[in-house]
Amino acid sequence: MSMNFYVSPEQQMLDRAEFARKGIARGRAVAVVRYRDGIALVADNHSTTLNKVAEIYDRIGFAAVGRYNEFEALRIAGIRHADLRGYSYDRRDVTGRSLAGAYSQQLGGAFASAVDKPFEVELIVAELGESPEGDLIYRISYDGVISDEDDLAVIGGDAEHTAARLRDGFDPQAELATVVERVGKALSSQQLEVAVLERGTGRRRTFRRVPRHEVTRG
């Protein structure tokens, strides 16, 4: 006769959290940092074709670590969410807060599900304000918990240690080259994928990828 072993709901949640954290910790880190002209998205990424940072909408950027197929699907879903909201209402109604909330629901729903496995990803949604005071950085964990970060956020790898190093001596008026150099040292990597949400360009779309040769030349 087969026997069904009872596992408490608390233990199930602990096991699912441990499963997700292990998958995320294996990924190379990403840092999103405010700088003089906007917000920099810098990833330790040895691939030249699989991006970990991307544009979602006019003033909104996306960064992720974990399973590529999972966060790529979430990136696409975020673009569709933003496009639909902007088309149905107004482009100004597309906000980082609404996008972070949508991601939170999706990640949290999968984490609490008794059927689906949790996502092995963590995300950052960054929104460029008209002025530095309006910049927003949201970190969304594998279980759907949202953290509103002040000046920077780090996900993947040893995120807490890296964030502490970057906060030590943080300067919101630093130039991009300085920020990239500091992040590279904190991540112990020279293989960096860099993009920015750039203020004051006069363009509606503020996202710009920084070519690797420019970063190297730094």
C-alpha atoms as a PDB file:
ATOM      1  CA  MET A   1       0.000   0.000   0.000  1.00  0.00           C
ATOM      2  CA  SER A   2       1.409   3.388  -0.991  1.00  0.00           C
ATOM      3  CA  MET A   3       1.699   6.097   1.645  1.00  0.00           C
ATOM      4  CA  ASN A   4       1.357   9.824   1.105  1.00  0.00           C
ATOM      5  CA  PHE A   5       3.812  11.819   3.186  1.00  0.00           C
ATOM      6  CA  TYR A   6       2.511  15.072   4.647  1.00  0.00           C
ATOM      7  CA  VAL A   7       4.529  18.216   4.069  1.00  0.00           C
ATOM      8  CA  SER A   8       3.391  21.349   5.868  1.00  0.00           C
ATOM      9  CA  PRO A   9       2.553  24.444   3.786  1.00  0.00           C
ATOM     10  CA  GLU A  10       5.352  26.309   5.563  1.00  0.00           C
ATOM     11  CA  GLN A  11       7.906  23.690   4.553  1.00  0.00           C
ATOM     12  CA  GLN A  12       6.627  23.685   0.978  1.00  0.00           C
ATOM     13  CA  MET A  13       7.150  27.453   0.765  1.00  0.00           C
ATOM     14  CA  LEU A  14      10.634  27.137   2.245  1.00  0.00           C
ATOM     15  CA  ASP A  15      11.537  24.427  -0.260  1.00  0.00           C
ATOM     16  CA  ARG A  16      10.205  26.467  -3.194  1.00  0.00           C
ATOM     17  CA  ALA A  17      12.104  29.552  -2.022  1.00  0.00           C
ATOM     18  CA  GLU A  18      15.337  27.580  -1.697  1.00  0.00           C
ATOM     19  CA  PHE A  19      14.833  26.128  -5.171  1.00  0.00           C
ATOM     20  CA  ALA A  20      14.340  29.587  -6.708  1.00  0.00           C
ATOM     21  CA  ARG A  21      17.217  31.206  -4.806  1.00  0.00           C
ATOM     22  CA  LYS A  22      19.708  28.560  -5.868  1.00  0.00           C
ATOM     23  CA  GLY A  23      18.839  29.045  -9.522  1.00  0.00           C
ATOM     24  CA  ILE A  24      19.115  32.834  -9.264  1.00  0.00           C
ATOM     25  CA  ALA A  25      22.377  32.815  -7.304  1.00  0.00           C
ATOM     26  CA  ARG A  26      24.073  30.853 -10.091  1.00  0.00           C
ATOM     27  CA  GLY A  27      23.445  33.741 -12.492  1.00  0.00           C
ATOM     28  CA  ARG A  28      25.943  36.549 -13.000  1.00  0.00           C
ATOM     29  CA  ALA A  29      24.859  39.771 -11.359  1.00  0.00           C
ATOM     30  CA  VAL A  30      23.176  42.871 -12.771  1.00  0.00           C
ATOM     31  CA  ALA A  31      23.352  46.346 -11.226  1.00  0.00           C
ATOM     32  CA  VAL A  32      21.031  49.259 -11.961  1.00  0.00           C
ATOM     33  CA  VAL A  33      22.490  52.546 -10.733  1.00  0.00           C
ATOM     34  CA  ARG A  34      21.535  56.226 -10.928  1.00  0.00           C
ATOM     35  CA  TYR A  35      24.172  58.521 -12.435  1.00  0.00           C
ATOM     36  CA  ARG A  36      24.483  62.120 -13.576  1.00  0.00           C
ATOM     37  CA  ASP A  37      22.467  61.834 -16.782  1.00  0.00           C
ATOM     38  CA  GLY A  38      19.980  59.121 -15.864  1.00  0.00           C
ATOM     39  CA  ILE A  39      20.010  55.447 -14.925  1.00  0.00           C
ATOM     40  CA  ALA A  40      22.673  52.915 -15.934  1.00  0.00           C
ATOM     41  CA  LEU A  41      21.894  49.211 -16.376  1.00  0.00           C
ATOM     42  CA  VAL A  42      25.084  47.151 -16.157  1.00  0.00           C
ATOM     43  CA  ALA A  43      25.215  43.353 -16.388  1.00  0.00           C
ATOM     44  CA  ASP A  44      28.022  40.848 -16.014  1.00  0.00           C
ATOM     45  CA  ASN A  45      27.309  39.097 -19.304  1.00  0.00           C
ATOM     46  CA  HIS A  46      29.780  37.034 -21.329  1.00  0.00           C
ATOM     47  CA  SER A  47      27.282  36.558 -24.174  1.00  0.00           C
ATOM     48  CA  THR A  48      27.142  39.100 -26.993  1.00  0.00           C
ATOM     49  CA  THR A  49      23.723  37.956 -28.217  1.00  0.00           C
ATOM     50  CA  LEU A  50      21.647  37.079 -25.121  1.00  0.00           C
ATOM     51  CA  ASN A  51      20.770  40.321 -23.395  1.00  0.00           C
ATOM     52  CA  LYS A  52      20.068  40.705 -19.690  1.00  0.00           C
ATOM     53  CA  VAL A  53      19.001  44.366 -19.899  1.00  0.00           C
ATOM     54  CA  ALA A  54      16.434  45.771 -22.308  1.00  0.00           C
ATOM     55  CA  GLU A  55      13.916  48.486 -23.120  1.00  0.00           C
ATOM     56  CA  ILE A  56      10.279  48.028 -22.179  1.00  0.00           C
ATOM     57  CA  TYR A  57       8.811  51.437 -23.060  1.00  0.00           C
ATOM     58  CA  ASP A  58       9.733  55.088 -23.625  1.00  0.00           C
ATOM     59  CA  ARG A  59      11.254  55.720 -20.189  1.00  0.00           C
ATOM     60  CA  ILE A  60      11.266  52.214 -18.726  1.00  0.00           C
ATOM     61  CA  GLY A  61      14.129  49.700 -18.649  1.00  0.00           C
ATOM     62  CA  PHE A  62      14.257  46.050 -17.625  1.00  0.00           C
ATOM     63  CA  ALA A  63      17.029  43.933 -16.109  1.00  0.00           C
ATOM     64  CA  ALA A  64      16.947  40.272 -15.120  1.00  0.00           C
ATOM     65  CA  VAL A  65      18.944  37.324 -13.838  1.00  0.00           C
ATOM     66  CA  GLY A  66      18.172  33.627 -13.700  1.00  0.00           C
ATOM     67  CA  ARG A  67      16.809  31.311 -16.365  1.00  0.00           C
ATOM     68  CA  TYR A  68      17.056  33.081 -19.720  1.00  0.00           C
ATOM     69  CA  ASN A  69      13.949  31.506 -21.264  1.00  0.00           C
ATOM     70  CA  GLU A  70      11.863  32.573 -18.263  1.00  0.00           C
ATOM     71  CA  PHE A  71      12.972  36.185 -18.044  1.00  0.00           C
ATOM     72  CA  GLU A  72      12.856  36.589 -21.818  1.00  0.00           C
ATOM     73  CA  ALA A  73       9.196  35.510 -21.741  1.00  0.00           C
ATOM     74  CA  LEU A  74       8.592  38.021 -18.936  1.00  0.00           C
ATOM     75  CA  ARG A  75      10.313  40.772 -20.914  1.00  0.00           C
ATOM     76  CA  ILE A  76       8.045  40.161 -23.902  1.00  0.00           C
ATOM     77  CA  ALA A  77       4.983  40.053 -21.662  1.00  0.00           C
ATOM     78  CA  GLY A  78       6.040  43.386 -20.161  1.00  0.00           C
ATOM     79  CA  ILE A  79       6.316  45.001 -23.589  1.00  0.00           C
ATOM     80  CA  ARG A  80       2.852  43.741 -24.514  1.00  0.00           C
ATOM     81  CA  HIS A  81       1.437  45.016 -21.228  1.00  0.00           C
ATOM     82  CA  ALA A  82       2.979  48.451 -21.782  1.00  0.00           C
ATOM     83  CA  ASP A  83       1.929  48.677 -25.431  1.00  0.00           C
ATOM     84  CA  LEU A  84      -1.670  47.719 -24.622  1.00  0.00           C
ATOM     85  CA  ARG A  85      -1.906  50.217 -21.776  1.00  0.00           C
ATOM     86  CA  GLY A  86      -0.354  52.987 -23.837  1.00  0.00           C
ATOM     87  CA  TYR A  87      -2.652  52.280 -26.800  1.00  0.00           C
ATOM     88  CA  SER A  88      -5.821  51.933 -24.709  1.00  0.00           C
ATOM     89  CA  TYR A  89      -5.226  55.018 -22.554  1.00  0.00           C
ATOM     90  CA  ASP A  90      -2.227  57.296 -22.951  1.00  0.00           C
ATOM     91  CA  ARG A  91       1.532  56.787 -23.174  1.00  0.00           C
ATOM     92  CA  ARG A  92       1.866  58.680 -19.890  1.00  0.00           C
ATOM     93  CA  ASP A  93      -0.229  55.987 -18.198  1.00  0.00           C
ATOM     94  CA  VAL A  94       2.540  53.438 -18.779  1.00  0.00           C
ATOM     95  CA  THR A  95       4.560  53.567 -15.554  1.00  0.00           C
ATOM     96  CA  GLY A  96       7.262  51.535 -13.919  1.00  0.00           C
ATOM     97  CA  ARG A  97       4.992  51.062 -10.926  1.00  0.00           C
ATOM     98  CA  SER A  98       2.199  49.469 -12.980  1.00  0.00           C
ATOM     99  CA  LEU A  99       4.680  47.209 -14.762  1.00  0.00           C
ATOM    100  CA  ALA A 100       6.349  46.156 -11.513  1.00  0.00           C
ATOM    101  CA  GLY A 101       2.905  45.379 -10.120  1.00  0.00           C
ATOM    102  CA  ALA A 102       2.059  43.192 -13.098  1.00  0.00           C
ATOM    103  CA  TYR A 103       5.341  41.291 -12.732  1.00  0.00           C
ATOM    104  CA  SER A 104       4.717  40.920  -9.005  1.00  0.00           C
ATOM    105  CA  GLN A 105       1.352  39.281  -9.625  1.00  0.00           C
ATOM    106  CA  GLN A 106       2.786  36.863 -12.172  1.00  0.00           C
ATOM    107  CA  LEU A 107       5.807  35.845 -10.098  1.00  0.00           C
ATOM    108  CA  GLY A 108       3.837  35.695  -6.862  1.00  0.00           C
ATOM    109  CA  GLY A 109       1.096  33.599  -8.445  1.00  0.00           C
ATOM    110  CA  ALA A 110       3.577  31.043  -9.749  1.00  0.00           C
ATOM    111  CA  PHE A 111       5.405  30.918  -6.409  1.00  0.00           C
ATOM    112  CA  ALA A 112       2.207  30.235  -4.451  1.00  0.00           C
ATOM    113  CA  SER A 113       0.879  27.704  -6.953  1.00  0.00           C
ATOM    114  CA  ALA A 114       0.736  24.058  -5.926  1.00  0.00           C
ATOM    115  CA  VAL A 115       1.072  23.004  -9.571  1.00  0.00           C
ATOM    116  CA  ASP A 116       3.596  25.289 -11.297  1.00  0.00           C
ATOM    117  CA  LYS A 117       7.229  25.567 -10.312  1.00  0.00           C
ATOM    118  CA  PRO A 118       8.367  29.008  -9.141  1.00  0.00           C
ATOM    119  CA  PHE A 119      10.182  31.289 -11.563  1.00  0.00           C
ATOM    120  CA  GLU A 120      13.962  31.137 -11.183  1.00  0.00           C
ATOM    121  CA  VAL A 121      14.377  34.822 -11.915  1.00  0.00           C
ATOM    122  CA  GLU A 122      14.667  38.201 -10.280  1.00  0.00           C
ATOM    123  CA  LEU A 123      13.836  41.417 -12.088  1.00  0.00           C
ATOM    124  CA  ILE A 124      14.509  45.126 -11.919  1.00  0.00           C
ATOM    125  CA  VAL A 125      12.196  47.696 -13.495  1.00  0.00           C
ATOM    126  CA  ALA A 126      13.678  51.195 -13.774  1.00  0.00           C
ATOM    127  CA  GLU A 127      11.788  54.323 -14.807  1.00  0.00           C
ATOM    128  CA  LEU A 128      13.526  57.562 -15.780  1.00  0.00           C
ATOM    129  CA  GLY A 129      11.928  60.679 -14.327  1.00  0.00           C
ATOM    130  CA  GLU A 130      11.801  64.116 -15.892  1.00  0.00           C
ATOM    131  CA  SER A 131      14.209  65.096 -13.112  1.00  0.00           C
ATOM    132  CA  PRO A 132      16.498  62.963 -10.907  1.00  0.00           C
ATOM    133  CA  GLU A 133      13.962  63.165  -8.089  1.00  0.00           C
ATOM    134  CA  GLY A 134      11.498  61.285 -10.287  1.00  0.00           C
ATOM    135  CA  ASP A 135      13.757  58.296 -11.019  1.00  0.00           C
ATOM    136  CA  LEU A 136      12.317  54.986  -9.795  1.00  0.00           C
ATOM    137  CA  ILE A 137      13.970  51.585  -9.367  1.00  0.00           C
ATOM    138  CA  TYR A 138      11.894  48.539  -8.433  1.00  0.00           C
ATOM    139  CA  ARG A 139      13.320  45.125  -7.564  1.00  0.00           C
ATOM    140  CA  ILE A 140      10.905  42.209  -7.975  1.00  0.00           C
ATOM    141  CA  SER A 141      11.850  38.955  -6.283  1.00  0.00           C
ATOM    142  CA  TYR A 142      11.053  35.394  -7.396  1.00  0.00           C
ATOM    143  CA  ASP A 143       8.113  35.316  -4.948  1.00  0.00           C
ATOM    144  CA  GLY A 144       6.583  38.566  -6.214  1.00  0.00           C
ATOM    145  CA  VAL A 145       7.818  40.827  -3.420  1.00  0.00           C
ATOM    146  CA  ILE A 146       8.545  44.363  -4.682  1.00  0.00           C
ATOM    147  CA  SER A 147      11.273  46.548  -3.173  1.00  0.00           C
ATOM    148  CA  ASP A 148      11.423  50.262  -3.970  1.00  0.00           C
ATOM    149  CA  GLU A 149      15.144  51.078  -4.137  1.00  0.00           C
ATOM    150  CA  ASP A 150      16.538  54.580  -3.675  1.00  0.00           C
ATOM    151  CA  ASP A 151      19.691  54.867  -5.768  1.00  0.00           C
ATOM    152  CA  LEU A 152      20.648  51.394  -6.959  1.00  0.00           C
ATOM    153  CA  ALA A 153      19.667  47.752  -6.999  1.00  0.00           C
ATOM    154  CA  VAL A 154      21.622  44.542  -7.579  1.00  0.00           C
ATOM    155  CA  ILE A 155      20.295  41.083  -8.438  1.00  0.00           C
ATOM    156  CA  GLY A 156      22.050  37.757  -9.010  1.00  0.00           C
ATOM    157  CA  GLY A 157      25.343  36.445  -7.664  1.00  0.00           C
ATOM    158  CA  ASP A 158      26.271  37.847  -4.247  1.00  0.00           C
ATOM    159  CA  ALA A 159      23.769  40.685  -4.594  1.00  0.00           C
ATOM    160  CA  GLU A 160      23.882  41.987  -1.018  1.00  0.00           C
ATOM    161  CA  HIS A 161      27.680  42.203  -0.927  1.00  0.00           C
ATOM    162  CA  THR A 162      27.831  43.867  -4.352  1.00  0.00           C
ATOM    163  CA  ALA A 163      25.122  46.389  -3.441  1.00  0.00           C
ATOM    164  CA  ALA A 164      26.958  47.282  -0.230  1.00  0.00           C
ATOM    165  CA  ARG A 165      30.170  47.925  -2.180  1.00  0.00           C
ATOM    166  CA  LEU A 166      28.344  50.168  -4.656  1.00  0.00           C
ATOM    167  CA  ARG A 167      26.534  52.118  -1.929  1.00  0.00           C
ATOM    168  CA  ASP A 168      29.840  52.872  -0.229  1.00  0.00           C
ATOM    169  CA  GLY A 169      30.807  56.187  -1.799  1.00  0.00           C
ATOM    170  CA  PHE A 170      27.797  56.339  -4.124  1.00  0.00           C
ATOM    171  CA  ASP A 171      27.674  59.614  -6.082  1.00  0.00           C
ATOM    172  CA  PRO A 172      24.483  60.451  -8.033  1.00  0.00           C
ATOM    173  CA  GLN A 173      26.486  63.007 -10.041  1.00  0.00           C
ATOM    174  CA  ALA A 174      29.063  60.497 -11.274  1.00  0.00           C
ATOM    175  CA  GLU A 175      29.642  60.190 -15.015  1.00  0.00           C
ATOM    176  CA  LEU A 176      28.680  57.011 -16.835  1.00  0.00           C
ATOM    177  CA  ALA A 177      32.279  55.882 -17.330  1.00  0.00           C
ATOM    178  CA  THR A 178      32.888  56.133 -13.586  1.00  0.00           C
ATOM    179  CA  VAL A 179      29.748  54.151 -12.780  1.00  0.00           C
ATOM    180  CA  VAL A 180      30.617  51.400 -15.251  1.00  0.00           C
ATOM    181  CA  GLU A 181      34.140  51.153 -13.848  1.00  0.00           C
ATOM    182  CA  ARG A 182      32.849  50.890 -10.274  1.00  0.00           C
ATOM    183  CA  VAL A 183      30.255  48.265 -11.191  1.00  0.00           C
ATOM    184  CA  GLY A 184      32.842  46.261 -13.130  1.00  0.00           C
ATOM    185  CA  LYS A 185      35.112  46.197 -10.077  1.00  0.00           C
ATOM    186  CA  ALA A 186      32.234  45.289  -7.755  1.00  0.00           C
ATOM    187  CA  LEU A 187      31.211  42.446 -10.054  1.00  0.00           C
ATOM    188  CA  SER A 188      34.842  41.423 -10.694  1.00  0.00           C
ATOM    189  CA  SER A 189      34.105  41.384 -14.424  1.00  0.00           C
ATOM    190  CA  GLN A 190      35.262  43.089 -17.606  1.00  0.00           C
ATOM    191  CA  GLN A 191      32.578  41.417 -19.742  1.00  0.00           C
ATOM    192  CA  LEU A 192      29.869  44.020 -19.272  1.00  0.00           C
ATOM    193  CA  GLU A 193      26.603  44.642 -21.049  1.00  0.00           C
ATOM    194  CA  VAL A 194      25.718  48.309 -20.578  1.00  0.00           C
ATOM    195  CA  ALA A 195      22.630  50.332 -21.402  1.00  0.00           C
ATOM    196  CA  VAL A 196      21.239  53.619 -20.123  1.00  0.00           C
ATOM    197  CA  LEU A 197      17.995  55.479 -19.673  1.00  0.00           C
ATOM    198  CA  GLU A 198      19.299  58.870 -20.730  1.00  0.00           C
ATOM    199  CA  ARG A 199      17.819  62.194 -19.661  1.00  0.00           C
ATOM    200  CA  GLY A 200      17.898  65.434 -21.624  1.00  0.00           C
ATOM    201  CA  THR A 201      18.323  64.029 -25.130  1.00  0.00           C
ATOM    202  CA  GLY A 202      15.030  65.344 -26.475  1.00  0.00           C
ATOM    203  CA  ARG A 203      14.093  61.846 -27.637  1.00  0.00           C
ATOM    204  CA  ARG A 204      10.840  60.217 -26.567  1.00  0.00           C
ATOM    205  CA  ARG A 205      12.601  56.869 -26.180  1.00  0.00           C
ATOM    206  CA  THR A 206      15.362  57.262 -23.610  1.00  0.00           C
ATOM    207  CA  PHE A 207      16.897  53.744 -23.717  1.00  0.00           C
ATOM    208  CA  ARG A 208      20.294  53.426 -25.397  1.00  0.00           C
ATOM    209  CA  ARG A 209      22.725  50.530 -25.562  1.00  0.00           C
ATOM    210  CA  VAL A 210      26.352  51.440 -24.977  1.00  0.00           C
ATOM    211  CA  PRO A 211      28.615  49.446 -27.361  1.00  0.00           C
ATOM    212  CA  ARG A 212      31.129  47.189 -25.685  1.00  0.00           C
ATOM    213  CA  HIS A 213      34.080  48.880 -27.377  1.00  0.00           C
ATOM    214  CA  GLU A 214      33.024  52.165 -25.772  1.00  0.00           C
ATOM    215  CA  VAL A 215      32.845  50.499 -22.370  1.00  0.00           C
ATOM    216  CA  THR A 216      36.275  48.938 -22.829  1.00  0.00           C
ATOM    217  CA  ARG A 217      37.723  52.227 -24.001  1.00  0.00           C
ATOM    218  CA  GLY A 218      35.943  53.822 -21.003  1.00  0.00           C
END
